[in-house]
């Protein structure tokens, strides 16, 4: 007789912070990510690489765990830059897109706890990202069960 197994995801414990650091590149800016060709808008290859770097570091930090769906995800972003040419607020979209692809929580559930920057000359610029979910509240309770199907009410 065959037994079926249900794989239960290993969640990141609520309140635990996942931290990662990636190099700051101009391609993390939403202003430098897209190009137009043949009447369509494309994500540049180096922008893909920058998002992939965030994704890779986040996967390593998660160690096979996932975040809980339909629960607020907090982002704390600290940018250390070596000049005033970059605009840290423009990193937010690209960072959120990279994070949502890995943790499988839609970015409409994201909240920014802090977006801060520091100017430090003669050092390599970086982005430090901290991600967590609170143990209290912030859960989507608008779903109800109706004949085995979840629907928005």
N, C-alpha and C. Protein backbone atom coordinates (compact mmCIF):
# COMPACT_ATOMS: atom_id res chain seq x y z
N UNK A 1 0.84 -1.17 0.00
CA UNK A 1 0.00 0.00 0.00
C UNK A 1 0.89 1.24 0.00
N UNK A 2 0.59 2.17 -0.88
CA UNK A 2 1.35 3.40 -0.97
C UNK A 2 0.88 4.40 0.08
N UNK A 3 1.82 5.00 0.71
CA UNK A 3 1.50 6.05 1.66
C UNK A 3 1.86 7.38 1.02
N UNK A 4 0.98 8.32 1.17
CA UNK A 4 1.29 9.65 0.65
C UNK A 4 1.87 10.49 1.77
N UNK A 5 2.84 11.28 1.39
CA UNK A 5 3.46 12.17 2.37
C UNK A 5 3.12 13.60 2.00
N UNK A 6 2.84 14.36 3.00
CA UNK A 6 2.60 15.79 2.82
C UNK A 6 3.87 16.50 3.28
N UNK A 7 4.46 17.26 2.37
CA UNK A 7 5.65 18.02 2.74
C UNK A 7 5.22 19.29 3.44
N UNK A 8 5.66 19.44 4.65
CA UNK A 8 5.34 20.62 5.44
C UNK A 8 6.53 21.57 5.33
N UNK A 9 6.28 22.78 4.90
CA UNK A 9 7.41 23.71 4.76
C UNK A 9 8.03 24.05 6.11
N UNK A 10 9.32 24.26 6.10
CA UNK A 10 10.02 24.72 7.29
C UNK A 10 10.00 26.25 7.25
N UNK A 11 9.21 26.84 8.14
CA UNK A 11 9.08 28.29 8.17
C UNK A 11 10.21 28.93 8.97
N UNK A 12 10.58 30.11 8.56
CA UNK A 12 11.47 30.93 9.38
C UNK A 12 10.68 31.30 10.62
N UNK A 13 11.22 31.06 11.81
CA UNK A 13 10.47 31.40 13.03
C UNK A 13 10.08 32.88 13.04
N UNK A 14 8.86 33.15 13.45
CA UNK A 14 8.39 34.52 13.52
C UNK A 14 9.29 35.31 14.47
N UNK A 15 9.65 36.49 14.04
CA UNK A 15 10.51 37.34 14.84
C UNK A 15 11.99 37.15 14.56
N UNK A 16 12.38 36.06 13.87
CA UNK A 16 13.78 35.85 13.54
C UNK A 16 14.15 36.70 12.33
N UNK A 17 15.28 37.37 12.39
CA UNK A 17 15.73 38.23 11.31
C UNK A 17 16.72 37.50 10.42
N UNK A 18 16.48 37.58 9.13
CA UNK A 18 17.40 37.03 8.14
C UNK A 18 18.19 38.22 7.58
N UNK A 19 19.52 38.14 7.62
CA UNK A 19 20.38 39.24 7.21
C UNK A 19 21.28 38.80 6.07
N UNK A 20 21.44 39.69 5.08
CA UNK A 20 22.36 39.43 3.99
C UNK A 20 22.98 40.73 3.53
N UNK A 21 24.14 40.62 2.91
CA UNK A 21 24.85 41.78 2.39
C UNK A 21 25.28 41.48 0.97
N UNK A 22 25.02 42.43 0.06
CA UNK A 22 25.41 42.29 -1.34
C UNK A 22 26.12 43.58 -1.77
N UNK A 23 26.99 43.49 -2.77
CA UNK A 23 27.64 44.70 -3.26
C UNK A 23 26.62 45.66 -3.86
N UNK A 24 26.84 46.94 -3.67
CA UNK A 24 26.00 47.96 -4.28
C UNK A 24 26.47 48.19 -5.71
N UNK A 25 25.57 48.01 -6.65
CA UNK A 25 25.87 48.28 -8.05
C UNK A 25 24.80 49.21 -8.60
N UNK A 26 25.15 49.94 -9.65
CA UNK A 26 24.19 50.86 -10.25
C UNK A 26 22.99 50.12 -10.85
N UNK A 27 23.17 48.85 -11.17
CA UNK A 27 22.08 48.09 -11.79
C UNK A 27 20.99 47.70 -10.81
N UNK A 28 21.20 47.93 -9.50
CA UNK A 28 20.13 47.72 -8.54
C UNK A 28 19.13 48.87 -8.54
N UNK A 29 19.48 49.97 -9.18
CA UNK A 29 18.57 51.11 -9.26
C UNK A 29 17.50 50.85 -10.31
N UNK A 30 16.26 51.18 -9.97
CA UNK A 30 15.18 50.99 -10.94
C UNK A 30 15.39 51.83 -12.19
N UNK A 31 16.17 52.92 -12.09
CA UNK A 31 16.43 53.78 -13.24
C UNK A 31 17.40 53.16 -14.23
N UNK A 32 18.14 52.14 -13.83
CA UNK A 32 19.14 51.54 -14.71
C UNK A 32 18.83 50.10 -15.08
N UNK A 33 17.61 49.66 -14.85
CA UNK A 33 17.30 48.24 -15.02
C UNK A 33 16.69 47.86 -16.36
N UNK A 34 16.06 48.78 -17.02
CA UNK A 34 15.29 48.42 -18.22
C UNK A 34 15.85 49.06 -19.47
N UNK A 35 15.58 48.37 -20.59
CA UNK A 35 15.93 48.90 -21.89
C UNK A 35 14.79 48.59 -22.85
N UNK A 36 14.68 49.37 -23.91
CA UNK A 36 13.63 49.18 -24.90
C UNK A 36 14.26 48.62 -26.17
N UNK A 37 13.62 47.61 -26.70
CA UNK A 37 14.09 47.02 -27.95
C UNK A 37 12.94 46.33 -28.65
N UNK A 38 12.82 46.54 -29.93
CA UNK A 38 11.75 45.92 -30.74
C UNK A 38 10.37 46.24 -30.17
N UNK A 39 10.21 47.45 -29.66
CA UNK A 39 8.92 47.89 -29.15
C UNK A 39 8.53 47.33 -27.80
N UNK A 40 9.45 46.63 -27.13
CA UNK A 40 9.16 46.04 -25.82
C UNK A 40 10.18 46.53 -24.81
N UNK A 41 9.80 46.45 -23.54
CA UNK A 41 10.69 46.83 -22.45
C UNK A 41 11.28 45.54 -21.87
N UNK A 42 12.61 45.51 -21.73
CA UNK A 42 13.31 44.34 -21.23
C UNK A 42 14.09 44.69 -19.98
N UNK A 43 14.28 43.69 -19.13
CA UNK A 43 15.17 43.82 -17.98
C UNK A 43 16.58 43.52 -18.49
N UNK A 44 17.51 44.43 -18.26
CA UNK A 44 18.88 44.26 -18.73
C UNK A 44 19.53 43.04 -18.08
N UNK A 45 20.51 42.47 -18.78
CA UNK A 45 21.21 41.30 -18.27
C UNK A 45 21.91 41.58 -16.94
N UNK A 46 22.55 42.75 -16.84
CA UNK A 46 23.25 43.07 -15.59
C UNK A 46 22.26 43.33 -14.45
N UNK A 47 21.06 43.77 -14.79
CA UNK A 47 20.01 43.92 -13.76
C UNK A 47 19.56 42.55 -13.27
N UNK A 48 19.44 41.59 -14.21
CA UNK A 48 19.15 40.21 -13.81
C UNK A 48 20.23 39.69 -12.87
N UNK A 49 21.48 39.95 -13.21
CA UNK A 49 22.60 39.48 -12.39
C UNK A 49 22.56 40.09 -10.99
N UNK A 50 22.21 41.38 -10.90
CA UNK A 50 22.14 42.04 -9.59
C UNK A 50 21.01 41.44 -8.75
N UNK A 51 19.86 41.19 -9.36
CA UNK A 51 18.75 40.56 -8.63
C UNK A 51 19.11 39.13 -8.23
N UNK A 52 19.79 38.42 -9.14
CA UNK A 52 20.20 37.05 -8.84
C UNK A 52 21.16 37.01 -7.65
N UNK A 53 22.03 38.02 -7.53
CA UNK A 53 22.97 38.08 -6.40
C UNK A 53 22.22 38.19 -5.08
N UNK A 54 21.19 39.03 -5.07
CA UNK A 54 20.37 39.14 -3.86
C UNK A 54 19.67 37.82 -3.59
N UNK A 55 19.10 37.24 -4.63
CA UNK A 55 18.40 35.96 -4.48
C UNK A 55 19.29 34.85 -3.97
N UNK A 56 20.51 34.78 -4.50
CA UNK A 56 21.46 33.75 -4.08
C UNK A 56 21.83 33.92 -2.61
N UNK A 57 22.16 35.13 -2.21
CA UNK A 57 22.51 35.38 -0.82
C UNK A 57 21.35 35.08 0.12
N UNK A 58 20.14 35.44 -0.30
CA UNK A 58 18.96 35.19 0.53
C UNK A 58 18.69 33.69 0.65
N UNK A 59 18.81 32.95 -0.44
CA UNK A 59 18.62 31.49 -0.37
C UNK A 59 19.62 30.87 0.60
N UNK A 60 20.86 31.32 0.55
CA UNK A 60 21.87 30.80 1.47
C UNK A 60 21.52 31.12 2.92
N UNK A 61 21.03 32.33 3.16
CA UNK A 61 20.67 32.73 4.52
C UNK A 61 19.45 31.97 5.04
N UNK A 62 18.53 31.63 4.15
CA UNK A 62 17.30 30.94 4.57
C UNK A 62 17.53 29.46 4.87
N UNK A 63 18.54 28.86 4.28
CA UNK A 63 18.87 27.46 4.52
C UNK A 63 17.67 26.54 4.34
N UNK A 64 16.95 26.72 3.24
CA UNK A 64 15.82 25.84 2.92
C UNK A 64 14.51 26.21 3.57
N UNK A 65 14.51 27.25 4.39
CA UNK A 65 13.27 27.66 5.06
C UNK A 65 12.52 28.67 4.19
N UNK A 66 11.26 28.88 4.49
CA UNK A 66 10.44 29.85 3.75
C UNK A 66 9.72 30.76 4.74
N UNK A 67 9.21 31.87 4.22
CA UNK A 67 8.41 32.77 5.03
C UNK A 67 6.95 32.36 4.93
N UNK A 68 6.17 32.72 5.92
CA UNK A 68 4.76 32.37 5.93
C UNK A 68 3.99 33.26 4.96
N UNK A 69 3.12 32.66 4.16
CA UNK A 69 2.34 33.46 3.20
C UNK A 69 1.29 34.31 3.91
N UNK A 70 0.87 35.36 3.25
CA UNK A 70 -0.19 36.26 3.72
C UNK A 70 0.07 36.79 5.14
N UNK A 71 1.32 37.13 5.39
CA UNK A 71 1.73 37.73 6.66
C UNK A 71 2.74 38.82 6.32
N UNK A 72 2.66 39.95 7.01
CA UNK A 72 3.52 41.09 6.71
C UNK A 72 5.00 40.71 6.81
N UNK A 73 5.76 41.16 5.81
CA UNK A 73 7.21 40.96 5.77
C UNK A 73 7.87 42.32 5.91
N UNK A 74 8.74 42.45 6.88
CA UNK A 74 9.44 43.71 7.14
C UNK A 74 10.79 43.71 6.46
N UNK A 75 11.14 44.85 5.84
CA UNK A 75 12.44 45.05 5.21
C UNK A 75 13.17 46.19 5.90
N UNK A 76 14.41 45.95 6.23
CA UNK A 76 15.28 46.99 6.75
C UNK A 76 16.47 47.03 5.79
N UNK A 77 16.63 48.15 5.08
CA UNK A 77 17.65 48.26 4.05
C UNK A 77 18.63 49.37 4.44
N UNK A 78 19.91 49.00 4.50
CA UNK A 78 20.96 49.98 4.79
C UNK A 78 21.92 49.98 3.62
N UNK A 79 22.11 51.14 3.03
CA UNK A 79 22.98 51.29 1.88
C UNK A 79 24.23 52.05 2.31
N UNK A 80 25.37 51.45 2.07
CA UNK A 80 26.62 52.15 2.31
C UNK A 80 27.19 52.49 0.94
N UNK A 81 27.28 53.77 0.63
CA UNK A 81 27.73 54.19 -0.69
C UNK A 81 28.96 55.06 -0.59
N UNK A 82 29.71 55.08 -1.69
CA UNK A 82 30.98 55.80 -1.68
C UNK A 82 30.88 57.17 -2.34
N UNK A 83 29.72 57.48 -2.92
CA UNK A 83 29.52 58.81 -3.52
C UNK A 83 28.04 59.16 -3.48
N UNK A 84 27.72 60.35 -3.92
CA UNK A 84 26.33 60.81 -3.89
C UNK A 84 25.63 60.62 -5.24
N UNK A 85 26.19 59.79 -6.12
CA UNK A 85 25.59 59.59 -7.44
C UNK A 85 24.38 58.65 -7.38
N UNK A 86 24.42 57.68 -6.50
CA UNK A 86 23.31 56.72 -6.43
C UNK A 86 22.18 57.28 -5.57
N UNK A 87 21.00 56.75 -5.78
CA UNK A 87 19.82 57.19 -5.06
C UNK A 87 19.22 55.97 -4.36
N UNK A 88 19.46 55.81 -3.06
CA UNK A 88 19.03 54.59 -2.37
C UNK A 88 17.54 54.27 -2.48
N UNK A 89 16.69 55.27 -2.61
CA UNK A 89 15.25 54.98 -2.71
C UNK A 89 14.94 54.17 -3.97
N UNK A 90 15.77 54.34 -5.01
CA UNK A 90 15.56 53.59 -6.25
C UNK A 90 15.96 52.13 -6.14
N UNK A 91 16.62 51.74 -5.06
CA UNK A 91 16.97 50.34 -4.83
C UNK A 91 15.79 49.54 -4.31
N UNK A 92 14.82 50.22 -3.77
CA UNK A 92 13.72 49.55 -3.08
C UNK A 92 12.96 48.59 -3.99
N UNK A 93 12.57 49.02 -5.18
CA UNK A 93 11.80 48.16 -6.09
C UNK A 93 12.57 46.91 -6.49
N UNK A 94 13.81 47.09 -6.91
CA UNK A 94 14.61 45.95 -7.36
C UNK A 94 14.86 44.97 -6.21
N UNK A 95 15.12 45.51 -5.03
CA UNK A 95 15.36 44.66 -3.87
C UNK A 95 14.10 43.88 -3.51
N UNK A 96 12.97 44.55 -3.48
CA UNK A 96 11.70 43.88 -3.16
C UNK A 96 11.37 42.81 -4.18
N UNK A 97 11.61 43.07 -5.46
CA UNK A 97 11.36 42.06 -6.50
C UNK A 97 12.23 40.84 -6.31
N UNK A 98 13.50 41.04 -5.98
CA UNK A 98 14.41 39.91 -5.77
C UNK A 98 13.99 39.11 -4.54
N UNK A 99 13.59 39.78 -3.48
CA UNK A 99 13.19 39.11 -2.25
C UNK A 99 11.92 38.31 -2.46
N UNK A 100 10.92 38.90 -3.11
CA UNK A 100 9.65 38.19 -3.27
C UNK A 100 9.80 36.92 -4.09
N UNK A 101 10.72 36.92 -5.06
CA UNK A 101 10.93 35.73 -5.87
C UNK A 101 11.48 34.57 -5.04
N UNK A 102 12.26 34.88 -4.01
CA UNK A 102 12.86 33.84 -3.19
C UNK A 102 11.94 33.40 -2.06
N UNK A 103 11.33 34.34 -1.35
CA UNK A 103 10.54 33.96 -0.17
C UNK A 103 9.11 33.57 -0.52
N UNK A 104 8.70 33.81 -1.76
CA UNK A 104 7.37 33.43 -2.26
C UNK A 104 6.23 34.10 -1.49
N UNK A 105 6.47 35.36 -1.12
CA UNK A 105 5.44 36.20 -0.54
C UNK A 105 5.33 37.42 -1.42
N UNK A 106 4.13 37.72 -1.91
CA UNK A 106 3.95 38.86 -2.80
C UNK A 106 4.39 40.15 -2.12
N UNK A 107 4.99 41.06 -2.88
CA UNK A 107 5.53 42.27 -2.27
C UNK A 107 4.47 43.25 -1.79
N UNK A 108 3.21 42.99 -2.02
CA UNK A 108 2.17 43.85 -1.42
C UNK A 108 2.11 43.62 0.09
N UNK A 109 2.74 42.54 0.57
CA UNK A 109 2.81 42.24 2.00
C UNK A 109 4.05 42.83 2.65
N UNK A 110 4.87 43.55 1.88
CA UNK A 110 6.10 44.12 2.40
C UNK A 110 5.85 45.46 3.07
N UNK A 111 6.59 45.69 4.12
CA UNK A 111 6.59 46.99 4.79
C UNK A 111 8.06 47.37 5.01
N UNK A 112 8.36 48.63 4.83
CA UNK A 112 9.73 49.09 5.00
C UNK A 112 9.89 49.62 6.42
N UNK A 113 10.68 48.92 7.20
CA UNK A 113 10.95 49.35 8.57
C UNK A 113 11.93 50.52 8.56
N UNK A 114 12.91 50.43 7.64
CA UNK A 114 13.91 51.49 7.53
C UNK A 114 14.58 51.38 6.16
N UNK A 115 14.83 52.53 5.58
CA UNK A 115 15.67 52.65 4.39
C UNK A 115 16.65 53.77 4.71
N UNK A 116 17.89 53.40 4.93
CA UNK A 116 18.88 54.37 5.39
C UNK A 116 20.14 54.23 4.54
N UNK A 117 20.90 55.28 4.50
CA UNK A 117 22.16 55.24 3.76
C UNK A 117 23.24 55.96 4.55
N UNK A 118 24.47 55.62 4.20
CA UNK A 118 25.63 56.20 4.85
C UNK A 118 26.68 56.43 3.78
N UNK A 119 27.29 57.59 3.80
CA UNK A 119 28.35 57.91 2.85
C UNK A 119 29.70 57.58 3.50
N UNK A 120 30.42 56.62 2.90
CA UNK A 120 31.71 56.19 3.43
C UNK A 120 32.69 56.13 2.28
N UNK A 121 33.64 57.02 2.28
CA UNK A 121 34.64 57.07 1.20
C UNK A 121 35.69 55.97 1.40
N UNK A 122 36.30 55.57 0.31
CA UNK A 122 37.41 54.60 0.32
C UNK A 122 37.00 53.22 0.83
N UNK A 123 35.74 52.89 0.72
CA UNK A 123 35.29 51.55 1.08
C UNK A 123 34.39 51.04 -0.04
N UNK A 124 34.25 49.75 -0.12
CA UNK A 124 33.38 49.18 -1.14
C UNK A 124 31.92 49.36 -0.74
N UNK A 125 31.11 49.90 -1.63
CA UNK A 125 29.70 50.11 -1.29
C UNK A 125 28.94 48.78 -1.19
N UNK A 126 27.95 48.74 -0.33
CA UNK A 126 27.16 47.53 -0.18
C UNK A 126 25.73 47.87 0.24
N UNK A 127 24.88 46.86 0.14
CA UNK A 127 23.51 46.93 0.62
C UNK A 127 23.36 45.84 1.67
N UNK A 128 22.94 46.22 2.87
CA UNK A 128 22.65 45.24 3.91
C UNK A 128 21.14 45.18 4.07
N UNK A 129 20.62 43.99 3.96
CA UNK A 129 19.17 43.78 4.00
C UNK A 129 18.83 42.86 5.16
N UNK A 130 17.85 43.28 5.94
CA UNK A 130 17.32 42.44 7.01
C UNK A 130 15.83 42.23 6.74
N UNK A 131 15.38 40.99 6.90
CA UNK A 131 13.99 40.62 6.60
C UNK A 131 13.45 39.80 7.77
N UNK A 132 12.21 40.10 8.17
CA UNK A 132 11.58 39.32 9.23
C UNK A 132 10.06 39.44 9.15
N UNK A 133 9.40 38.58 9.90
CA UNK A 133 7.95 38.62 10.08
C UNK A 133 7.66 38.68 11.57
N UNK A 134 6.73 39.54 11.96
CA UNK A 134 6.35 39.65 13.35
C UNK A 134 5.49 38.47 13.77
N UNK A 135 5.54 38.18 15.05
CA UNK A 135 4.71 37.11 15.59
C UNK A 135 3.28 37.57 15.84
N UNK A 136 3.08 38.87 15.97
CA UNK A 136 1.76 39.40 16.30
C UNK A 136 1.09 40.01 15.08
N UNK A 137 -0.20 39.76 14.95
CA UNK A 137 -1.03 40.43 13.94
C UNK A 137 -0.50 40.33 12.53
N UNK A 138 -0.92 41.28 11.70
CA UNK A 138 -0.47 41.41 10.33
C UNK A 138 -0.74 40.17 9.48
N UNK A 139 -1.83 39.49 9.75
CA UNK A 139 -2.20 38.29 9.01
C UNK A 139 -3.44 38.60 8.20
N UNK A 140 -3.51 38.05 6.99
CA UNK A 140 -4.68 38.23 6.15
C UNK A 140 -5.80 37.34 6.68
N UNK A 141 -6.81 37.95 7.22
CA UNK A 141 -7.96 37.20 7.72
C UNK A 141 -9.16 37.38 6.80
N UNK A 142 -8.93 37.92 5.60
CA UNK A 142 -10.04 38.17 4.68
C UNK A 142 -10.38 36.94 3.84
N UNK A 143 -9.68 35.83 4.04
CA UNK A 143 -9.98 34.61 3.31
C UNK A 143 -10.88 33.73 4.15
N UNK A 144 -11.88 33.16 3.54
CA UNK A 144 -12.74 32.22 4.24
C UNK A 144 -12.87 30.96 3.42
N UNK A 145 -13.13 29.89 4.08
CA UNK A 145 -13.31 28.63 3.38
C UNK A 145 -14.75 28.51 2.92
N UNK A 146 -14.93 28.15 1.66
CA UNK A 146 -16.27 27.99 1.10
C UNK A 146 -16.24 26.79 0.17
N UNK A 147 -16.66 25.66 0.68
CA UNK A 147 -16.68 24.46 -0.14
C UNK A 147 -15.30 24.02 -0.59
N UNK A 148 -14.30 24.24 0.25
CA UNK A 148 -12.95 23.83 -0.09
C UNK A 148 -12.18 24.84 -0.91
N UNK A 149 -12.81 25.94 -1.26
CA UNK A 149 -12.14 26.98 -2.03
C UNK A 149 -12.02 28.26 -1.20
N UNK A 150 -10.86 28.82 -1.20
CA UNK A 150 -10.68 30.09 -0.51
C UNK A 150 -11.10 31.22 -1.45
N UNK A 151 -11.84 32.16 -0.93
CA UNK A 151 -12.24 33.29 -1.75
C UNK A 151 -12.13 34.57 -0.95
N UNK A 152 -11.92 35.65 -1.64
CA UNK A 152 -11.84 36.93 -0.96
C UNK A 152 -13.23 37.39 -0.58
N UNK A 153 -13.34 37.97 0.60
CA UNK A 153 -14.65 38.51 1.03
C UNK A 153 -14.54 39.99 1.22
